[in-house]
Amino acid sequence: MATTKKTTKKAEEVKTLEQLREELVAKRTDLIEARRGHAAGELANPRVLTSTKKEIARLLTAIRAAEIAEKESK
């Protein structure tokens, strides 16, 4: 039985709070478009819905962490 080691992802770049919010808006728009395409039967890969929702959750978490860090630094 092979054991796998969990690795954490490193952030590629540090983004500002405003950049995170802009990316969140873009991802939410992508999700709406993907849902519309899925309902119309045009979406080739329905896993896009799941991955987009997870990306939105990650962005919300990053935004919240940045807000807390900003609040604590004041």
PDB file of N, CA and C in Angstrom:
ATOM      1  N   MET A   1       0.846  -1.184   0.000  1.00  0.00           N
ATOM      2  CA  MET A   1       0.000   0.000   0.000  1.00  0.00           C
ATOM      3  C   MET A   1       0.888   1.243   0.000  1.00  0.00           C
ATOM      4  N   ALA A   2       0.720   2.051  -0.976  1.00  0.00           N
ATOM      5  CA  ALA A   2       1.528   3.258  -1.111  1.00  0.00           C
ATOM      6  C   ALA A   2       0.921   4.378  -0.277  1.00  0.00           C
ATOM      7  N   THR A   3       1.781   5.122   0.368  1.00  0.00           N
ATOM      8  CA  THR A   3       1.306   6.272   1.143  1.00  0.00           C
ATOM      9  C   THR A   3       1.581   7.529   0.354  1.00  0.00           C
ATOM     10  N   THR A   4       0.643   8.418   0.396  1.00  0.00           N
ATOM     11  CA  THR A   4       0.828   9.683  -0.302  1.00  0.00           C
ATOM     12  C   THR A   4       1.005  10.781   0.724  1.00  0.00           C
ATOM     13  N   LYS A   5       1.867  11.688   0.395  1.00  0.00           N
ATOM     14  CA  LYS A   5       2.144  12.805   1.292  1.00  0.00           C
ATOM     15  C   LYS A   5       1.389  14.019   0.791  1.00  0.00           C
ATOM     16  N   LYS A   6       0.626  14.623   1.682  1.00  0.00           N
ATOM     17  CA  LYS A   6      -0.116  15.824   1.301  1.00  0.00           C
ATOM     18  C   LYS A   6       0.842  16.997   1.226  1.00  0.00           C
ATOM     19  N   THR A   7       0.711  17.741   0.175  1.00  0.00           N
ATOM     20  CA  THR A   7       1.528  18.938   0.039  1.00  0.00           C
ATOM     21  C   THR A   7       0.617  20.151  -0.035  1.00  0.00           C
ATOM     22  N   THR A   8       1.066  21.212   0.553  1.00  0.00           N
ATOM     23  CA  THR A   8       0.284  22.443   0.496  1.00  0.00           C
ATOM     24  C   THR A   8       0.777  23.265  -0.674  1.00  0.00           C
ATOM     25  N   LYS A   9      -0.138  23.995  -1.257  1.00  0.00           N
ATOM     26  CA  LYS A   9       0.215  24.842  -2.387  1.00  0.00           C
ATOM     27  C   LYS A   9       0.798  26.148  -1.880  1.00  0.00           C
ATOM     28  N   LYS A  10       1.801  26.601  -2.566  1.00  0.00           N
ATOM     29  CA  LYS A  10       2.384  27.904  -2.265  1.00  0.00           C
ATOM     30  C   LYS A  10       1.707  28.943  -3.138  1.00  0.00           C
ATOM     31  N   ALA A  11       1.519  30.115  -2.590  1.00  0.00           N
ATOM     32  CA  ALA A  11       0.905  31.199  -3.364  1.00  0.00           C
ATOM     33  C   ALA A  11       1.888  31.654  -4.432  1.00  0.00           C
ATOM     34  N   GLU A  12       1.391  31.759  -5.659  1.00  0.00           N
ATOM     35  CA  GLU A  12       2.258  32.182  -6.750  1.00  0.00           C
ATOM     36  C   GLU A  12       2.643  33.650  -6.592  1.00  0.00           C
ATOM     37  N   GLU A  13       1.658  34.465  -6.236  1.00  0.00           N
ATOM     38  CA  GLU A  13       1.923  35.881  -6.041  1.00  0.00           C
ATOM     39  C   GLU A  13       0.988  36.406  -4.965  1.00  0.00           C
ATOM     40  N   VAL A  14       1.415  37.431  -4.298  1.00  0.00           N
ATOM     41  CA  VAL A  14       0.580  38.044  -3.282  1.00  0.00           C
ATOM     42  C   VAL A  14      -0.310  39.074  -3.968  1.00  0.00           C
ATOM     43  N   LYS A  15      -1.608  38.919  -3.773  1.00  0.00           N
ATOM     44  CA  LYS A  15      -2.560  39.816  -4.417  1.00  0.00           C
ATOM     45  C   LYS A  15      -3.139  40.763  -3.384  1.00  0.00           C
ATOM     46  N   THR A  16      -3.467  41.946  -3.847  1.00  0.00           N
ATOM     47  CA  THR A  16      -4.096  42.913  -2.961  1.00  0.00           C
ATOM     48  C   THR A  16      -5.561  42.537  -2.778  1.00  0.00           C
ATOM     49  N   LEU A  17      -6.166  43.142  -1.786  1.00  0.00           N
ATOM     50  CA  LEU A  17      -7.566  42.883  -1.496  1.00  0.00           C
ATOM     51  C   LEU A  17      -8.449  43.252  -2.689  1.00  0.00           C
ATOM     52  N   GLU A  18      -8.109  44.349  -3.351  1.00  0.00           N
ATOM     53  CA  GLU A  18      -8.888  44.789  -4.507  1.00  0.00           C
ATOM     54  C   GLU A  18      -8.760  43.799  -5.665  1.00  0.00           C
ATOM     55  N   GLN A  19      -7.569  43.269  -5.892  1.00  0.00           N
ATOM     56  CA  GLN A  19      -7.369  42.280  -6.952  1.00  0.00           C
ATOM     57  C   GLN A  19      -8.168  41.012  -6.668  1.00  0.00           C
ATOM     58  N   LEU A  20      -8.201  40.598  -5.405  1.00  0.00           N
ATOM     59  CA  LEU A  20      -8.966  39.417  -5.029  1.00  0.00           C
ATOM     60  C   LEU A  20     -10.452  39.630  -5.279  1.00  0.00           C
ATOM     61  N   ARG A  21     -10.943  40.811  -4.947  1.00  0.00           N
ATOM     62  CA  ARG A  21     -12.362  41.107  -5.153  1.00  0.00           C
ATOM     63  C   ARG A  21     -12.716  41.139  -6.638  1.00  0.00           C
ATOM     64  N   GLU A  22     -11.815  41.692  -7.459  1.00  0.00           N
ATOM     65  CA  GLU A  22     -12.052  41.716  -8.906  1.00  0.00           C
ATOM     66  C   GLU A  22     -12.081  40.299  -9.473  1.00  0.00           C
ATOM     67  N   GLU A  23     -11.174  39.457  -8.998  1.00  0.00           N
ATOM     68  CA  GLU A  23     -11.133  38.073  -9.454  1.00  0.00           C
ATOM     69  C   GLU A  23     -12.395  37.320  -9.010  1.00  0.00           C
ATOM     70  N   LEU A  24     -12.896  37.639  -7.809  1.00  0.00           N
ATOM     71  CA  LEU A  24     -14.123  37.026  -7.310  1.00  0.00           C
ATOM     72  C   LEU A  24     -15.310  37.365  -8.209  1.00  0.00           C
ATOM     73  N   VAL A  25     -15.411  38.620  -8.611  1.00  0.00           N
ATOM     74  CA  VAL A  25     -16.491  39.040  -9.501  1.00  0.00           C
ATOM     75  C   VAL A  25     -16.400  38.285 -10.827  1.00  0.00           C
ATOM     76  N   ALA A  26     -15.189  38.141 -11.346  1.00  0.00           N
ATOM     77  CA  ALA A  26     -14.996  37.435 -12.615  1.00  0.00           C
ATOM     78  C   ALA A  26     -15.379  35.960 -12.484  1.00  0.00           C
ATOM     79  N   LYS A  27     -14.995  35.320 -11.383  1.00  0.00           N
ATOM     80  CA  LYS A  27     -15.319  33.904 -11.183  1.00  0.00           C
ATOM     81  C   LYS A  27     -16.817  33.703 -11.024  1.00  0.00           C
ATOM     82  N   ARG A  28     -17.487  34.617 -10.332  1.00  0.00           N
ATOM     83  CA  ARG A  28     -18.935  34.499 -10.168  1.00  0.00           C
ATOM     84  C   ARG A  28     -19.641  34.642 -11.518  1.00  0.00           C
ATOM     85  N   THR A  29     -19.129  35.532 -12.359  1.00  0.00           N
ATOM     86  CA  THR A  29     -19.680  35.683 -13.706  1.00  0.00           C
ATOM     87  C   THR A  29     -19.460  34.402 -14.513  1.00  0.00           C
ATOM     88  N   ASP A  30     -18.259  33.821 -14.391  1.00  0.00           N
ATOM     89  CA  ASP A  30     -17.967  32.562 -15.075  1.00  0.00           C
ATOM     90  C   ASP A  30     -18.918  31.460 -14.625  1.00  0.00           C
ATOM     91  N   LEU A  31     -19.205  31.413 -13.320  1.00  0.00           N
ATOM     92  CA  LEU A  31     -20.102  30.397 -12.786  1.00  0.00           C
ATOM     93  C   LEU A  31     -21.514  30.558 -13.349  1.00  0.00           C
ATOM     94  N   ILE A  32     -21.973  31.792 -13.425  1.00  0.00           N
ATOM     95  CA  ILE A  32     -23.308  32.045 -13.973  1.00  0.00           C
ATOM     96  C   ILE A  32     -23.374  31.591 -15.434  1.00  0.00           C
ATOM     97  N   GLU A  33     -22.338  31.912 -16.193  1.00  0.00           N
ATOM     98  CA  GLU A  33     -22.301  31.511 -17.603  1.00  0.00           C
ATOM     99  C   GLU A  33     -22.232  29.990 -17.738  1.00  0.00           C
ATOM    100  N   ALA A  34     -21.454  29.344 -16.863  1.00  0.00           N
ATOM    101  CA  ALA A  34     -21.342  27.887 -16.924  1.00  0.00           C
ATOM    102  C   ALA A  34     -22.669  27.229 -16.559  1.00  0.00           C
ATOM    103  N   ARG A  35     -23.364  27.768 -15.580  1.00  0.00           N
ATOM    104  CA  ARG A  35     -24.677  27.225 -15.209  1.00  0.00           C
ATOM    105  C   ARG A  35     -25.678  27.389 -16.356  1.00  0.00           C
ATOM    106  N   ARG A  36     -25.620  28.545 -17.003  1.00  0.00           N
ATOM    107  CA  ARG A  36     -26.513  28.795 -18.141  1.00  0.00           C
ATOM    108  C   ARG A  36     -26.212  27.799 -19.271  1.00  0.00           C
ATOM    109  N   GLY A  37     -24.936  27.586 -19.541  1.00  0.00           N
ATOM    110  CA  GLY A  37     -24.543  26.640 -20.576  1.00  0.00           C
ATOM    111  C   GLY A  37     -24.929  25.214 -20.219  1.00  0.00           C
ATOM    112  N   HIS A  38     -24.832  24.864 -18.954  1.00  0.00           N
ATOM    113  CA  HIS A  38     -25.193  23.524 -18.500  1.00  0.00           C
ATOM    114  C   HIS A  38     -26.694  23.300 -18.660  1.00  0.00           C
ATOM    115  N   ALA A  39     -27.478  24.305 -18.319  1.00  0.00           N
ATOM    116  CA  ALA A  39     -28.931  24.194 -18.444  1.00  0.00           C
ATOM    117  C   ALA A  39     -29.343  24.075 -19.904  1.00  0.00           C
ATOM    118  N   ALA A  40     -28.592  24.715 -20.787  1.00  0.00           N
ATOM    119  CA  ALA A  40     -28.914  24.671 -22.218  1.00  0.00           C
ATOM    120  C   ALA A  40     -28.336  23.431 -22.899  1.00  0.00           C
ATOM    121  N   GLY A  41     -27.549  22.659 -22.146  1.00  0.00           N
ATOM    122  CA  GLY A  41     -26.951  21.459 -22.715  1.00  0.00           C
ATOM    123  C   GLY A  41     -25.724  21.730 -23.545  1.00  0.00           C
ATOM    124  N   GLU A  42     -25.141  22.899 -23.403  1.00  0.00           N
ATOM    125  CA  GLU A  42     -23.980  23.286 -24.204  1.00  0.00           C
ATOM    126  C   GLU A  42     -22.652  23.036 -23.491  1.00  0.00           C
ATOM    127  N   LEU A  43     -22.709  22.796 -22.183  1.00  0.00           N
ATOM    128  CA  LEU A  43     -21.482  22.646 -21.398  1.00  0.00           C
ATOM    129  C   LEU A  43     -20.902  21.257 -21.632  1.00  0.00           C
ATOM    130  N   ALA A  44     -19.671  21.209 -22.158  1.00  0.00           N
ATOM    131  CA  ALA A  44     -19.034  19.941 -22.485  1.00  0.00           C
ATOM    132  C   ALA A  44     -18.567  19.211 -21.230  1.00  0.00           C
ATOM    133  N   ASN A  45     -18.047  19.954 -20.262  1.00  0.00           N
ATOM    134  CA  ASN A  45     -17.501  19.347 -19.050  1.00  0.00           C
ATOM    135  C   ASN A  45     -18.194  19.934 -17.826  1.00  0.00           C
ATOM    136  N   PRO A  46     -19.148  19.220 -17.220  1.00  0.00           N
ATOM    137  CA  PRO A  46     -19.867  19.771 -16.070  1.00  0.00           C
ATOM    138  C   PRO A  46     -19.017  19.917 -14.812  1.00  0.00           C
ATOM    139  N   ARG A  47     -17.827  19.351 -14.815  1.00  0.00           N
ATOM    140  CA  ARG A  47     -16.945  19.516 -13.646  1.00  0.00           C
ATOM    141  C   ARG A  47     -16.479  20.962 -13.483  1.00  0.00           C
ATOM    142  N   VAL A  48     -16.642  21.736 -14.528  1.00  0.00           N
ATOM    143  CA  VAL A  48     -16.292  23.160 -14.471  1.00  0.00           C
ATOM    144  C   VAL A  48     -17.094  23.840 -13.369  1.00  0.00           C
ATOM    145  N   LEU A  49     -18.341  23.430 -13.194  1.00  0.00           N
ATOM    146  CA  LEU A  49     -19.179  24.027 -12.154  1.00  0.00           C
ATOM    147  C   LEU A  49     -18.566  23.814 -10.772  1.00  0.00           C
ATOM    148  N   THR A  50     -18.159  22.591 -10.486  1.00  0.00           N
ATOM    149  CA  THR A  50     -17.577  22.273  -9.187  1.00  0.00           C
ATOM    150  C   THR A  50     -16.270  23.019  -8.965  1.00  0.00           C
ATOM    151  N   SER A  51     -15.404  23.008  -9.960  1.00  0.00           N
ATOM    152  CA  SER A  51     -14.107  23.662  -9.787  1.00  0.00           C
ATOM    153  C   SER A  51     -14.265  25.174  -9.640  1.00  0.00           C
ATOM    154  N   THR A  52     -15.208  25.760 -10.355  1.00  0.00           N
ATOM    155  CA  THR A  52     -15.428  27.206 -10.242  1.00  0.00           C
ATOM    156  C   THR A  52     -15.963  27.558  -8.864  1.00  0.00           C
ATOM    157  N   LYS A  53     -16.881  26.738  -8.335  1.00  0.00           N
ATOM    158  CA  LYS A  53     -17.406  26.993  -6.995  1.00  0.00           C
ATOM    159  C   LYS A  53     -16.300  26.892  -5.939  1.00  0.00           C
ATOM    160  N   LYS A  54     -15.391  25.944  -6.126  1.00  0.00           N
ATOM    161  CA  LYS A  54     -14.275  25.797  -5.188  1.00  0.00           C
ATOM    162  C   LYS A  54     -13.324  26.990  -5.276  1.00  0.00           C
ATOM    163  N   GLU A  55     -13.090  27.478  -6.483  1.00  0.00           N
ATOM    164  CA  GLU A  55     -12.238  28.650  -6.654  1.00  0.00           C
ATOM    165  C   GLU A  55     -12.863  29.870  -5.988  1.00  0.00           C
ATOM    166  N   ILE A  56     -14.187  30.000  -6.096  1.00  0.00           N
ATOM    167  CA  ILE A  56     -14.887  31.109  -5.437  1.00  0.00           C
ATOM    168  C   ILE A  56     -14.728  30.997  -3.929  1.00  0.00           C
ATOM    169  N   ALA A  57     -14.862  29.797  -3.391  1.00  0.00           N
ATOM    170  CA  ALA A  57     -14.696  29.591  -1.948  1.00  0.00           C
ATOM    171  C   ALA A  57     -13.280  29.942  -1.505  1.00  0.00           C
ATOM    172  N   ARG A  58     -12.294  29.572  -2.309  1.00  0.00           N
ATOM    173  CA  ARG A  58     -10.901  29.904  -1.973  1.00  0.00           C
ATOM    174  C   ARG A  58     -10.685  31.416  -1.978  1.00  0.00           C
ATOM    175  N   LEU A  59     -11.280  32.087  -2.946  1.00  0.00           N
ATOM    176  CA  LEU A  59     -11.157  33.542  -3.012  1.00  0.00           C
ATOM    177  C   LEU A  59     -11.820  34.205  -1.813  1.00  0.00           C
ATOM    178  N   LEU A  60     -13.003  33.719  -1.447  1.00  0.00           N
ATOM    179  CA  LEU A  60     -13.690  34.279  -0.278  1.00  0.00           C
ATOM    180  C   LEU A  60     -12.860  34.091   0.988  1.00  0.00           C
ATOM    181  N   THR A  61     -12.223  32.936   1.108  1.00  0.00           N
ATOM    182  CA  THR A  61     -11.363  32.667   2.256  1.00  0.00           C
ATOM    183  C   THR A  61     -10.159  33.608   2.261  1.00  0.00           C
ATOM    184  N   ALA A  62      -9.546  33.801   1.103  1.00  0.00           N
ATOM    185  CA  ALA A  62      -8.385  34.686   1.003  1.00  0.00           C
ATOM    186  C   ALA A  62      -8.771  36.134   1.307  1.00  0.00           C
ATOM    187  N   ILE A  63      -9.941  36.546   0.833  1.00  0.00           N
ATOM    188  CA  ILE A  63     -10.409  37.909   1.099  1.00  0.00           C
ATOM    189  C   ILE A  63     -10.637  38.096   2.591  1.00  0.00           C
ATOM    190  N   ARG A  64     -11.283  37.116   3.208  1.00  0.00           N
ATOM    191  CA  ARG A  64     -11.560  37.219   4.652  1.00  0.00           C
ATOM    192  C   ARG A  64     -10.255  37.260   5.449  1.00  0.00           C
ATOM    193  N   ALA A  65      -9.294  36.436   5.082  1.00  0.00           N
ATOM    194  CA  ALA A  65      -8.001  36.428   5.772  1.00  0.00           C
ATOM    195  C   ALA A  65      -7.291  37.769   5.609  1.00  0.00           C
ATOM    196  N   ALA A  66      -7.371  38.356   4.425  1.00  0.00           N
ATOM    197  CA  ALA A  66      -6.740  39.656   4.180  1.00  0.00           C
ATOM    198  C   ALA A  66      -7.431  40.750   4.988  1.00  0.00           C
ATOM    199  N   GLU A  67      -8.761  40.676   5.084  1.00  0.00           N
ATOM    200  CA  GLU A  67      -9.491  41.671   5.883  1.00  0.00           C
ATOM    201  C   GLU A  67      -9.125  41.578   7.349  1.00  0.00           C
ATOM    202  N   ILE A  68      -8.995  40.350   7.864  1.00  0.00           N
ATOM    203  CA  ILE A  68      -8.616  40.164   9.272  1.00  0.00           C
ATOM    204  C   ILE A  68      -7.211  40.666   9.514  1.00  0.00           C
ATOM    205  N   ALA A  69      -6.289  40.356   8.598  1.00  0.00           N
ATOM    206  CA  ALA A  69      -4.903  40.810   8.738  1.00  0.00           C
ATOM    207  C   ALA A  69      -4.831  42.328   8.697  1.00  0.00           C
ATOM    208  N   GLU A  70      -5.634  42.931   7.817  1.00  0.00           N
ATOM    209  CA  GLU A  70      -5.653  44.392   7.700  1.00  0.00           C
ATOM    210  C   GLU A  70      -6.208  45.016   8.984  1.00  0.00           C
ATOM    211  N   LYS A  71      -7.226  44.416   9.547  1.00  0.00           N
ATOM    212  CA  LYS A  71      -7.849  44.923  10.760  1.00  0.00           C
ATOM    213  C   LYS A  71      -6.882  44.816  11.940  1.00  0.00           C
ATOM    214  N   GLU A  72      -6.147  43.712  12.023  1.00  0.00           N
ATOM    215  CA  GLU A  72      -5.207  43.510  13.125  1.00  0.00           C
ATOM    216  C   GLU A  72      -4.006  44.432  13.020  1.00  0.00           C
ATOM    217  N   SER A  73      -3.628  44.838  11.811  1.00  0.00           N
ATOM    218  CA  SER A  73      -2.450  45.686  11.649  1.00  0.00           C
ATOM    219  C   SER A  73      -2.729  47.143  12.021  1.00  0.00           C
ATOM    220  N   LYS A  74      -4.013  47.495  12.154  1.00  0.00           N
ATOM    221  CA  LYS A  74      -4.353  48.868  12.501  1.00  0.00           C
ATOM    222  C   LYS A  74      -4.311  49.103  13.976  1.00  0.00           C
TER     223      LYS A  74
END
